[in-house]
Protein backbone atom coordinates (compact mmCIF):
# COMPACT_ATOMS: atom_id res chain seq x y z
CA MET A 1 -91.54 189.06 200.26
CA THR A 2 -92.48 185.92 202.21
CA TYR A 3 -92.45 182.33 200.98
CA SER A 4 -93.00 178.95 202.65
CA ILE A 5 -91.28 175.59 202.47
CA ALA A 6 -93.06 172.47 203.76
CA VAL A 7 -90.45 170.27 205.43
CA GLU A 8 -90.25 166.87 207.09
CA ASN A 9 -88.99 165.91 210.57
CA ILE A 10 -89.78 169.07 212.57
CA LYS A 11 -90.75 167.83 216.01
CA CYS A 12 -90.20 170.60 218.55
CA GLY A 13 -88.83 174.00 219.45
CA GLY A 14 -85.28 172.62 219.36
CA CYS A 15 -85.76 171.73 215.71
CA ALA A 16 -87.21 175.18 215.03
CA ASN A 17 -84.32 176.86 216.82
CA SER A 18 -81.72 175.01 214.72
CA ILE A 19 -83.57 175.87 211.52
CA ARG A 20 -83.95 179.53 212.45
CA HIS A 21 -80.26 179.95 213.32
CA ARG A 22 -79.06 178.26 210.13
CA LEU A 23 -81.37 180.16 207.79
CA LEU A 24 -80.70 183.55 209.34
CA ASN A 25 -77.06 183.14 208.30
CA HIS A 26 -78.08 183.46 204.64
CA ALA A 27 -77.87 186.94 203.13
CA LEU A 28 -81.22 186.62 201.32
CA VAL A 29 -83.13 185.75 204.52
CA GLU A 30 -84.44 188.55 206.74
CA ALA A 31 -86.70 186.63 209.14
CA VAL A 32 -87.80 183.03 209.76
CA THR A 33 -91.02 181.74 211.31
CA ILE A 34 -91.58 178.04 211.93
CA ASP A 35 -94.90 176.28 212.45
CA VAL A 36 -93.86 173.02 214.12
CA GLU A 37 -97.32 171.43 213.90
CA GLN A 38 -97.68 172.13 210.17
CA GLY A 39 -94.03 171.48 209.30
CA ALA A 40 -93.88 174.86 207.61
CA VAL A 41 -90.91 177.19 207.42
CA ARG A 42 -91.88 180.73 206.42
CA ILE A 43 -89.07 182.90 205.21
CA GLN A 44 -89.15 186.64 204.76
CA GLY A 45 -86.60 187.64 202.18
CA ASP A 46 -85.68 187.40 198.53
CA PRO A 47 -87.35 184.36 196.89
CA ALA A 48 -84.22 183.99 194.74
CA GLY A 49 -82.67 182.41 197.85
CA ARG A 50 -85.29 179.63 198.05
CA ALA A 51 -83.00 176.96 196.56
CA GLN A 52 -80.26 177.84 199.07
CA ALA A 53 -82.78 177.66 201.91
CA VAL A 54 -83.99 174.23 200.75
CA GLN A 55 -80.38 173.04 200.55
CA ALA A 56 -79.63 174.32 204.07
CA LEU A 57 -82.78 172.67 205.45
CA THR A 58 -81.86 169.36 203.81
CA ALA A 59 -78.34 169.55 205.25
CA LEU A 60 -79.88 169.95 208.72
CA GLY A 61 -82.14 166.93 208.19
CA TYR A 62 -85.34 168.81 207.35
CA PRO A 63 -85.84 168.12 203.62
CA GLU A 64 -88.67 169.63 201.63
CA VAL A 65 -91.72 167.36 201.71
CA GLY A 66 -91.53 164.75 198.96
CA SER A 67 -87.91 165.43 198.03
CA VAL A 68 -86.25 162.37 199.64
CA GLU A 69 -87.13 158.69 199.83
CA GLY A 70 -85.73 155.44 201.19
CA PHE A 71 -82.25 155.55 202.69
CA LYS A 72 -81.98 159.30 202.15
CA SER A 73 -85.15 159.75 204.21
CA ALA A 74 -83.67 157.71 207.07
CA ALA A 75 -80.45 159.72 206.91
CA ALA A 76 -82.44 162.97 207.01
CA LYS A 77 -84.28 161.79 210.13
CA ALA A 78 -80.96 161.01 211.82
CA LYS A 79 -79.60 164.47 210.94
CA SER A 80 -82.77 166.14 212.22
CA PHE A 81 -82.40 164.31 215.53
CA VAL A 82 -78.91 165.80 215.96
CA SER A 83 -80.06 169.28 214.84
CA CYS A 84 -82.97 169.08 217.27
CA ALA A 85 -80.67 168.18 220.17
CA ILE A 86 -78.31 171.04 219.31
CA GLY A 87 -81.27 173.42 219.07
CA ARG A 88 -82.47 172.34 222.50
CA VAL A 89 -79.04 172.95 224.01
CA ASP A 90 -78.84 176.39 222.34
CA ARG A 91 -82.36 177.19 223.52
CA ALA A 92 -81.54 176.18 227.11
CA GLY A 93 -78.58 178.55 227.07
CA ASN A 94 -80.71 181.33 225.53
CA PRO A 95 -84.34 180.88 226.63
CA GLY A 96 -85.47 183.89 224.63
CA GLY A 97 -83.98 182.58 221.35
């Protein structure tokens, strides 16, 4: 089954790469597709893992749309900047990933 999570702060392929790598480490996730322009993360897997996926996304700095405000929103943006940079480095080392 496939489900989507609308998230904040996705800016580029580096962001998408970080998200994909983190979510694929969860047992209930089989595949991940990210639409950078729409800010949508589509997950193929057991929907029972949705809460875990949302938690992992938030930890990376990509919270579900509408779930954080104020200082927490600023902190999420800072985390996403770091995740993005890491994703870009990983992507440079593995252009196909």
